[in-house]
Amino acid sequence: MTVVTLYSRHNCHLCEQALQELEKLQSEFSFEIQEKFIDGDSKLEYEYGEQVPVTLIDGKRHDFFKVDPDRFRLAMQEHHRHQ
């Protein structure tokens, strides 16, 4: 199953919106959501701190700041074609 990772921060409004959007998109595509909080992890804060929420599809960076449903759909369709 495809895994969508959401790098997030606690009390992050944009992160909450991104998670809600991903949950809506699960009705169209079969994928698991793994939310990972970067708070307190210096490596993750350095890598993603200024861009959260950041989404990855099966470990490949997809987008940051928000989840654009149309862009996500295209990426998932492309991803499924190559599986």
PDB file of N, CA and C in Angstrom:
ATOM      1  N   MET A   1       0.839  -1.182   0.000  1.00  0.00           N
ATOM      2  CA  MET A   1       0.000   0.000   0.000  1.00  0.00           C
ATOM      3  C   MET A   1       0.889   1.253   0.000  1.00  0.00           C
ATOM      4  N   THR A   2       0.442   2.256  -0.704  1.00  0.00           N
ATOM      5  CA  THR A   2       1.147   3.528  -0.765  1.00  0.00           C
ATOM      6  C   THR A   2       1.094   4.209   0.600  1.00  0.00           C
ATOM      7  N   VAL A   3       2.214   4.792   0.997  1.00  0.00           N
ATOM      8  CA  VAL A   3       2.289   5.528   2.262  1.00  0.00           C
ATOM      9  C   VAL A   3       2.532   6.998   1.953  1.00  0.00           C
ATOM     10  N   VAL A   4       1.658   7.842   2.475  1.00  0.00           N
ATOM     11  CA  VAL A   4       1.829   9.287   2.364  1.00  0.00           C
ATOM     12  C   VAL A   4       2.274   9.776   3.736  1.00  0.00           C
ATOM     13  N   THR A   5       3.457  10.354   3.788  1.00  0.00           N
ATOM     14  CA  THR A   5       4.001  10.875   5.032  1.00  0.00           C
ATOM     15  C   THR A   5       3.752  12.365   5.080  1.00  0.00           C
ATOM     16  N   LEU A   6       3.264  12.808   6.227  1.00  0.00           N
ATOM     17  CA  LEU A   6       3.018  14.230   6.451  1.00  0.00           C
ATOM     18  C   LEU A   6       3.925  14.684   7.585  1.00  0.00           C
ATOM     19  N   TYR A   7       4.935  15.477   7.253  1.00  0.00           N
ATOM     20  CA  TYR A   7       5.776  16.076   8.289  1.00  0.00           C
ATOM     21  C   TYR A   7       5.058  17.308   8.791  1.00  0.00           C
ATOM     22  N   SER A   8       4.905  17.381  10.101  1.00  0.00           N
ATOM     23  CA  SER A   8       4.010  18.339  10.709  1.00  0.00           C
ATOM     24  C   SER A   8       4.620  18.897  11.992  1.00  0.00           C
ATOM     25  N   ARG A   9       3.965  19.903  12.537  1.00  0.00           N
ATOM     26  CA  ARG A   9       4.290  20.450  13.858  1.00  0.00           C
ATOM     27  C   ARG A   9       3.008  20.448  14.692  1.00  0.00           C
ATOM     28  N   HIS A  10       3.172  20.371  15.989  1.00  0.00           N
ATOM     29  CA  HIS A  10       2.019  20.500  16.881  1.00  0.00           C
ATOM     30  C   HIS A  10       1.495  21.932  16.814  1.00  0.00           C
ATOM     31  N   ASN A  11       0.188  22.096  16.954  1.00  0.00           N
ATOM     32  CA  ASN A  11      -0.465  23.411  16.929  1.00  0.00           C
ATOM     33  C   ASN A  11      -0.178  24.184  15.640  1.00  0.00           C
ATOM     34  N   CYS A  12      -0.172  23.478  14.530  1.00  0.00           N
ATOM     35  CA  CYS A  12       0.074  24.080  13.216  1.00  0.00           C
ATOM     36  C   CYS A  12      -1.222  24.006  12.413  1.00  0.00           C
ATOM     37  N   HIS A  13      -1.829  25.153  12.197  1.00  0.00           N
ATOM     38  CA  HIS A  13      -3.111  25.203  11.494  1.00  0.00           C
ATOM     39  C   HIS A  13      -2.999  24.658  10.064  1.00  0.00           C
ATOM     40  N   LEU A  14      -1.939  25.036   9.353  1.00  0.00           N
ATOM     41  CA  LEU A  14      -1.755  24.538   7.984  1.00  0.00           C
ATOM     42  C   LEU A  14      -1.568  23.022   7.970  1.00  0.00           C
ATOM     43  N   CYS A  15      -0.905  22.502   8.994  1.00  0.00           N
ATOM     44  CA  CYS A  15      -0.690  21.057   9.083  1.00  0.00           C
ATOM     45  C   CYS A  15      -2.017  20.332   9.285  1.00  0.00           C
ATOM     46  N   GLU A  16      -2.860  20.892  10.139  1.00  0.00           N
ATOM     47  CA  GLU A  16      -4.177  20.301  10.379  1.00  0.00           C
ATOM     48  C   GLU A  16      -5.011  20.307   9.095  1.00  0.00           C
ATOM     49  N   GLN A  17      -4.949  21.396   8.350  1.00  0.00           N
ATOM     50  CA  GLN A  17      -5.684  21.474   7.083  1.00  0.00           C
ATOM     51  C   GLN A  17      -5.154  20.439   6.090  1.00  0.00           C
ATOM     52  N   ALA A  18      -3.840  20.277   6.035  1.00  0.00           N
ATOM     53  CA  ALA A  18      -3.247  19.301   5.113  1.00  0.00           C
ATOM     54  C   ALA A  18      -3.691  17.887   5.472  1.00  0.00           C
ATOM     55  N   LEU A  19      -3.705  17.567   6.761  1.00  0.00           N
ATOM     56  CA  LEU A  19      -4.144  16.245   7.195  1.00  0.00           C
ATOM     57  C   LEU A  19      -5.603  16.015   6.821  1.00  0.00           C
ATOM     58  N   GLN A  20      -6.448  17.004   7.021  1.00  0.00           N
ATOM     59  CA  GLN A  20      -7.869  16.874   6.662  1.00  0.00           C
ATOM     60  C   GLN A  20      -8.028  16.656   5.164  1.00  0.00           C
ATOM     61  N   GLU A  21      -7.251  17.364   4.366  1.00  0.00           N
ATOM     62  CA  GLU A  21      -7.334  17.209   2.910  1.00  0.00           C
ATOM     63  C   GLU A  21      -6.897  15.799   2.506  1.00  0.00           C
ATOM     64  N   LEU A  22      -5.814  15.306   3.109  1.00  0.00           N
ATOM     65  CA  LEU A  22      -5.357  13.947   2.803  1.00  0.00           C
ATOM     66  C   LEU A  22      -6.417  12.917   3.191  1.00  0.00           C
ATOM     67  N   GLU A  23      -7.051  13.118   4.334  1.00  0.00           N
ATOM     68  CA  GLU A  23      -8.094  12.179   4.768  1.00  0.00           C
ATOM     69  C   GLU A  23      -9.256  12.154   3.779  1.00  0.00           C
ATOM     70  N   LYS A  24      -9.607  13.309   3.222  1.00  0.00           N
ATOM     71  CA  LYS A  24     -10.667  13.359   2.200  1.00  0.00           C
ATOM     72  C   LYS A  24     -10.242  12.582   0.950  1.00  0.00           C
ATOM     73  N   LEU A  25      -8.987  12.725   0.569  1.00  0.00           N
ATOM     74  CA  LEU A  25      -8.490  12.088  -0.652  1.00  0.00           C
ATOM     75  C   LEU A  25      -8.359  10.576  -0.509  1.00  0.00           C
ATOM     76  N   GLN A  26      -8.372  10.073   0.713  1.00  0.00           N
ATOM     77  CA  GLN A  26      -8.305   8.624   0.911  1.00  0.00           C
ATOM     78  C   GLN A  26      -9.529   7.914   0.335  1.00  0.00           C
ATOM     79  N   SER A  27     -10.625   8.635   0.146  1.00  0.00           N
ATOM     80  CA  SER A  27     -11.812   8.008  -0.444  1.00  0.00           C
ATOM     81  C   SER A  27     -11.609   7.757  -1.943  1.00  0.00           C
ATOM     82  N   GLU A  28     -10.642   8.442  -2.552  1.00  0.00           N
ATOM     83  CA  GLU A  28     -10.363   8.273  -3.978  1.00  0.00           C
ATOM     84  C   GLU A  28      -9.193   7.337  -4.254  1.00  0.00           C
ATOM     85  N   PHE A  29      -8.242   7.317  -3.345  1.00  0.00           N
ATOM     86  CA  PHE A  29      -7.023   6.531  -3.532  1.00  0.00           C
ATOM     87  C   PHE A  29      -6.764   5.712  -2.275  1.00  0.00           C
ATOM     88  N   SER A  30      -6.168   4.567  -2.468  1.00  0.00           N
ATOM     89  CA  SER A  30      -5.835   3.708  -1.334  1.00  0.00           C
ATOM     90  C   SER A  30      -4.425   4.063  -0.868  1.00  0.00           C
ATOM     91  N   PHE A  31      -4.326   4.716   0.287  1.00  0.00           N
ATOM     92  CA  PHE A  31      -3.027   5.028   0.858  1.00  0.00           C
ATOM     93  C   PHE A  31      -3.143   5.171   2.366  1.00  0.00           C
ATOM     94  N   GLU A  32      -2.027   4.961   3.011  1.00  0.00           N
ATOM     95  CA  GLU A  32      -1.921   5.109   4.458  1.00  0.00           C
ATOM     96  C   GLU A  32      -1.281   6.462   4.740  1.00  0.00           C
ATOM     97  N   ILE A  33      -1.777   7.141   5.767  1.00  0.00           N
ATOM     98  CA  ILE A  33      -1.190   8.419   6.176  1.00  0.00           C
ATOM     99  C   ILE A  33      -0.345   8.180   7.421  1.00  0.00           C
ATOM    100  N   GLN A  34       0.896   8.632   7.368  1.00  0.00           N
ATOM    101  CA  GLN A  34       1.765   8.612   8.539  1.00  0.00           C
ATOM    102  C   GLN A  34       2.132  10.046   8.847  1.00  0.00           C
ATOM    103  N   GLU A  35       1.612  10.548   9.957  1.00  0.00           N
ATOM    104  CA  GLU A  35       1.945  11.913  10.367  1.00  0.00           C
ATOM    105  C   GLU A  35       3.147  11.839  11.294  1.00  0.00           C
ATOM    106  N   LYS A  36       4.183  12.608  10.968  1.00  0.00           N
ATOM    107  CA  LYS A  36       5.391  12.639  11.780  1.00  0.00           C
ATOM    108  C   LYS A  36       5.629  14.080  12.215  1.00  0.00           C
ATOM    109  N   PHE A  37       5.718  14.249  13.511  1.00  0.00           N
ATOM    110  CA  PHE A  37       5.946  15.580  14.056  1.00  0.00           C
ATOM    111  C   PHE A  37       7.443  15.858  14.124  1.00  0.00           C
ATOM    112  N   ILE A  38       7.840  17.020  13.634  1.00  0.00           N
ATOM    113  CA  ILE A  38       9.258  17.365  13.605  1.00  0.00           C
ATOM    114  C   ILE A  38       9.703  18.070  14.882  1.00  0.00           C
ATOM    115  N   ASP A  39       8.748  18.479  15.713  1.00  0.00           N
ATOM    116  CA  ASP A  39       9.073  19.205  16.940  1.00  0.00           C
ATOM    117  C   ASP A  39      10.088  18.424  17.771  1.00  0.00           C
ATOM    118  N   GLY A  40      11.185  19.082  18.145  1.00  0.00           N
ATOM    119  CA  GLY A  40      12.169  18.467  19.014  1.00  0.00           C
ATOM    120  C   GLY A  40      13.174  17.567  18.316  1.00  0.00           C
ATOM    121  N   ASP A  41      13.006  17.334  17.009  1.00  0.00           N
ATOM    122  CA  ASP A  41      13.953  16.517  16.251  1.00  0.00           C
ATOM    123  C   ASP A  41      14.796  17.473  15.416  1.00  0.00           C
ATOM    124  N   SER A  42      16.012  17.749  15.869  1.00  0.00           N
ATOM    125  CA  SER A  42      16.820  18.788  15.225  1.00  0.00           C
ATOM    126  C   SER A  42      17.074  18.508  13.747  1.00  0.00           C
ATOM    127  N   LYS A  43      17.263  17.245  13.381  1.00  0.00           N
ATOM    128  CA  LYS A  43      17.500  16.911  11.967  1.00  0.00           C
ATOM    129  C   LYS A  43      16.265  17.229  11.122  1.00  0.00           C
ATOM    130  N   LEU A  44      15.095  16.792  11.581  1.00  0.00           N
ATOM    131  CA  LEU A  44      13.860  17.055  10.835  1.00  0.00           C
ATOM    132  C   LEU A  44      13.508  18.539  10.847  1.00  0.00           C
ATOM    133  N   GLU A  45      13.739  19.213  11.974  1.00  0.00           N
ATOM    134  CA  GLU A  45      13.465  20.651  12.029  1.00  0.00           C
ATOM    135  C   GLU A  45      14.351  21.403  11.038  1.00  0.00           C
ATOM    136  N   TYR A  46      15.609  20.989  10.925  1.00  0.00           N
ATOM    137  CA  TYR A  46      16.521  21.616   9.968  1.00  0.00           C
ATOM    138  C   TYR A  46      16.059  21.375   8.529  1.00  0.00           C
ATOM    139  N   GLU A  47      15.635  20.130   8.255  1.00  0.00           N
ATOM    140  CA  GLU A  47      15.263  19.757   6.891  1.00  0.00           C
ATOM    141  C   GLU A  47      13.910  20.330   6.466  1.00  0.00           C
ATOM    142  N   TYR A  48      12.933  20.329   7.386  1.00  0.00           N
ATOM    143  CA  TYR A  48      11.553  20.685   7.006  1.00  0.00           C
ATOM    144  C   TYR A  48      10.966  21.888   7.752  1.00  0.00           C
ATOM    145  N   GLY A  49      11.695  22.427   8.724  1.00  0.00           N
ATOM    146  CA  GLY A  49      11.139  23.422   9.642  1.00  0.00           C
ATOM    147  C   GLY A  49      10.427  24.599   9.014  1.00  0.00           C
ATOM    148  N   GLU A  50      10.960  25.140   7.948  1.00  0.00           N
ATOM    149  CA  GLU A  50      10.367  26.330   7.333  1.00  0.00           C
ATOM    150  C   GLU A  50       9.297  25.989   6.304  1.00  0.00           C
ATOM    151  N   GLN A  51       9.049  24.697   6.070  1.00  0.00           N
ATOM    152  CA  GLN A  51       8.158  24.315   4.976  1.00  0.00           C
ATOM    153  C   GLN A  51       6.944  23.495   5.402  1.00  0.00           C
ATOM    154  N   VAL A  52       6.842  23.126   6.670  1.00  0.00           N
ATOM    155  CA  VAL A  52       5.728  22.264   7.080  1.00  0.00           C
ATOM    156  C   VAL A  52       4.398  22.931   6.812  1.00  0.00           C
ATOM    157  N   PRO A  53       3.410  22.137   6.472  1.00  0.00           N
ATOM    158  CA  PRO A  53       3.449  20.692   6.309  1.00  0.00           C
ATOM    159  C   PRO A  53       4.135  20.280   4.998  1.00  0.00           C
ATOM    160  N   VAL A  54       4.857  19.184   5.080  1.00  0.00           N
ATOM    161  CA  VAL A  54       5.540  18.621   3.912  1.00  0.00           C
ATOM    162  C   VAL A  54       4.975  17.230   3.681  1.00  0.00           C
ATOM    163  N   THR A  55       4.610  16.916   2.436  1.00  0.00           N
ATOM    164  CA  THR A  55       4.086  15.588   2.114  1.00  0.00           C
ATOM    165  C   THR A  55       5.061  14.830   1.225  1.00  0.00           C
ATOM    166  N   LEU A  56       5.165  13.538   1.513  1.00  0.00           N
ATOM    167  CA  LEU A  56       5.958  12.623   0.708  1.00  0.00           C
ATOM    168  C   LEU A  56       5.052  11.470   0.294  1.00  0.00           C
ATOM    169  N   ILE A  57       5.222  10.977  -0.910  1.00  0.00           N
ATOM    170  CA  ILE A  57       4.488   9.803  -1.387  1.00  0.00           C
ATOM    171  C   ILE A  57       5.502   8.687  -1.534  1.00  0.00           C
ATOM    172  N   ASP A  58       5.340   7.644  -0.711  1.00  0.00           N
ATOM    173  CA  ASP A  58       6.298   6.529  -0.662  1.00  0.00           C
ATOM    174  C   ASP A  58       7.731   7.028  -0.569  1.00  0.00           C
ATOM    175  N   GLY A  59       7.947   7.998   0.319  1.00  0.00           N
ATOM    176  CA  GLY A  59       9.286   8.496   0.584  1.00  0.00           C
ATOM    177  C   GLY A  59       9.798   9.541  -0.383  1.00  0.00           C
ATOM    178  N   LYS A  60       9.054   9.814  -1.438  1.00  0.00           N
ATOM    179  CA  LYS A  60       9.477  10.816  -2.422  1.00  0.00           C
ATOM    180  C   LYS A  60       8.746  12.129  -2.142  1.00  0.00           C
ATOM    181  N   ARG A  61       9.510  13.194  -2.004  1.00  0.00           N
ATOM    182  CA  ARG A  61       8.929  14.493  -1.682  1.00  0.00           C
ATOM    183  C   ARG A  61       7.902  14.900  -2.731  1.00  0.00           C
ATOM    184  N   HIS A  62       6.730  15.282  -2.246  1.00  0.00           N
ATOM    185  CA  HIS A  62       5.645  15.686  -3.143  1.00  0.00           C
ATOM    186  C   HIS A  62       5.420  17.194  -3.094  1.00  0.00           C
ATOM    187  N   ASP A  63       5.127  17.735  -1.916  1.00  0.00           N
ATOM    188  CA  ASP A  63       4.733  19.138  -1.835  1.00  0.00           C
ATOM    189  C   ASP A  63       4.973  19.671  -0.429  1.00  0.00           C
ATOM    190  N   PHE A  64       4.799  20.986  -0.260  1.00  0.00           N
ATOM    191  CA  PHE A  64       4.936  21.595   1.057  1.00  0.00           C
ATOM    192  C   PHE A  64       3.975  22.771   1.187  1.00  0.00           C
ATOM    193  N   PHE A  65       3.769  23.228   2.410  1.00  0.00           N
ATOM    194  CA  PHE A  65       2.869  24.316   2.809  1.00  0.00           C
ATOM    195  C   PHE A  65       1.389  23.956   2.779  1.00  0.00           C
ATOM    196  N   LYS A  66       0.968  23.113   1.850  1.00  0.00           N
ATOM    197  CA  LYS A  66      -0.439  22.717   1.780  1.00  0.00           C
ATOM    198  C   LYS A  66      -0.565  21.471   0.910  1.00  0.00           C
ATOM    199  N   VAL A  67      -1.747  20.897   0.902  1.00  0.00           N
ATOM    200  CA  VAL A  67      -2.045  19.790  -0.011  1.00  0.00           C
ATOM    201  C   VAL A  67      -3.016  20.324  -1.044  1.00  0.00           C
ATOM    202  N   ASP A  68      -2.552  20.420  -2.269  1.00  0.00           N
ATOM    203  CA  ASP A  68      -3.401  20.839  -3.380  1.00  0.00           C
ATOM    204  C   ASP A  68      -4.054  19.583  -3.935  1.00  0.00           C
ATOM    205  N   PRO A  69      -5.391  19.454  -3.813  1.00  0.00           N
ATOM    206  CA  PRO A  69      -6.057  18.213  -4.219  1.00  0.00           C
ATOM    207  C   PRO A  69      -5.782  17.803  -5.667  1.00  0.00           C
ATOM    208  N   ASP A  70      -5.801  18.762  -6.593  1.00  0.00           N
ATOM    209  CA  ASP A  70      -5.578  18.422  -8.005  1.00  0.00           C
ATOM    210  C   ASP A  70      -4.145  17.946  -8.240  1.00  0.00           C
ATOM    211  N   ARG A  71      -3.195  18.635  -7.650  1.00  0.00           N
ATOM    212  CA  ARG A  71      -1.788  18.240  -7.784  1.00  0.00           C
ATOM    213  C   ARG A  71      -1.560  16.862  -7.147  1.00  0.00           C
ATOM    214  N   PHE A  72      -2.194  16.625  -5.994  1.00  0.00           N
ATOM    215  CA  PHE A  72      -2.054  15.340  -5.323  1.00  0.00           C
ATOM    216  C   PHE A  72      -2.657  14.219  -6.173  1.00  0.00           C
ATOM    217  N   ARG A  73      -3.833  14.455  -6.744  1.00  0.00           N
ATOM    218  CA  ARG A  73      -4.465  13.451  -7.606  1.00  0.00           C
ATOM    219  C   ARG A  73      -3.551  13.067  -8.774  1.00  0.00           C
ATOM    220  N   LEU A  74      -2.992  14.069  -9.425  1.00  0.00           N
ATOM    221  CA  LEU A  74      -2.086  13.793 -10.550  1.00  0.00           C
ATOM    222  C   LEU A  74      -0.879  12.984 -10.095  1.00  0.00           C
ATOM    223  N   ALA A  75      -0.312  13.343  -8.967  1.00  0.00           N
ATOM    224  CA  ALA A  75       0.855  12.623  -8.449  1.00  0.00           C
ATOM    225  C   ALA A  75       0.491  11.177  -8.107  1.00  0.00           C
ATOM    226  N   MET A  76      -0.673  10.973  -7.528  1.00  0.00           N
ATOM    227  CA  MET A  76      -1.084   9.612  -7.169  1.00  0.00           C
ATOM    228  C   MET A  76      -1.363   8.782  -8.421  1.00  0.00           C
ATOM    229  N   GLN A  77      -1.989   9.378  -9.418  1.00  0.00           N
ATOM    230  CA  GLN A  77      -2.244   8.649 -10.664  1.00  0.00           C
ATOM    231  C   GLN A  77      -0.932   8.244 -11.310  1.00  0.00           C
ATOM    232  N   GLU A  78       0.027   9.149 -11.334  1.00  0.00           N
ATOM    233  CA  GLU A  78       1.341   8.870 -11.887  1.00  0.00           C
ATOM    234  C   GLU A  78       2.048   7.782 -11.067  1.00  0.00           C
ATOM    235  N   HIS A  79       1.943   7.895  -9.769  1.00  0.00           N
ATOM    236  CA  HIS A  79       2.571   6.930  -8.871  1.00  0.00           C
ATOM    237  C   HIS A  79       2.008   5.526  -9.106  1.00  0.00           C
ATOM    238  N   HIS A  80       0.691   5.432  -9.240  1.00  0.00           N
ATOM    239  CA  HIS A  80       0.047   4.119  -9.431  1.00  0.00           C
ATOM    240  C   HIS A  80       0.408   3.520 -10.812  1.00  0.00           C
ATOM    241  N   ARG A  81       0.623   4.373 -11.800  1.00  0.00           N
ATOM    242  CA  ARG A  81       1.006   3.889 -13.123  1.00  0.00           C
ATOM    243  C   ARG A  81       2.379   3.215 -13.089  1.00  0.00           C
ATOM    244  N   HIS A  82       3.239   3.680 -12.203  1.00  0.00           N
ATOM    245  CA  HIS A  82       4.614   3.155 -12.145  1.00  0.00           C
ATOM    246  C   HIS A  82       4.808   2.066 -11.110  1.00  0.00           C
ATOM    247  N   GLN A  83       3.746   1.592 -10.526  1.00  0.00           N
ATOM    248  CA  GLN A  83       3.872   0.521  -9.530  1.00  0.00           C
ATOM    249  C   GLN A  83       3.748  -0.824 -10.181  1.00  0.00           C
TER     250      GLN A  83
END
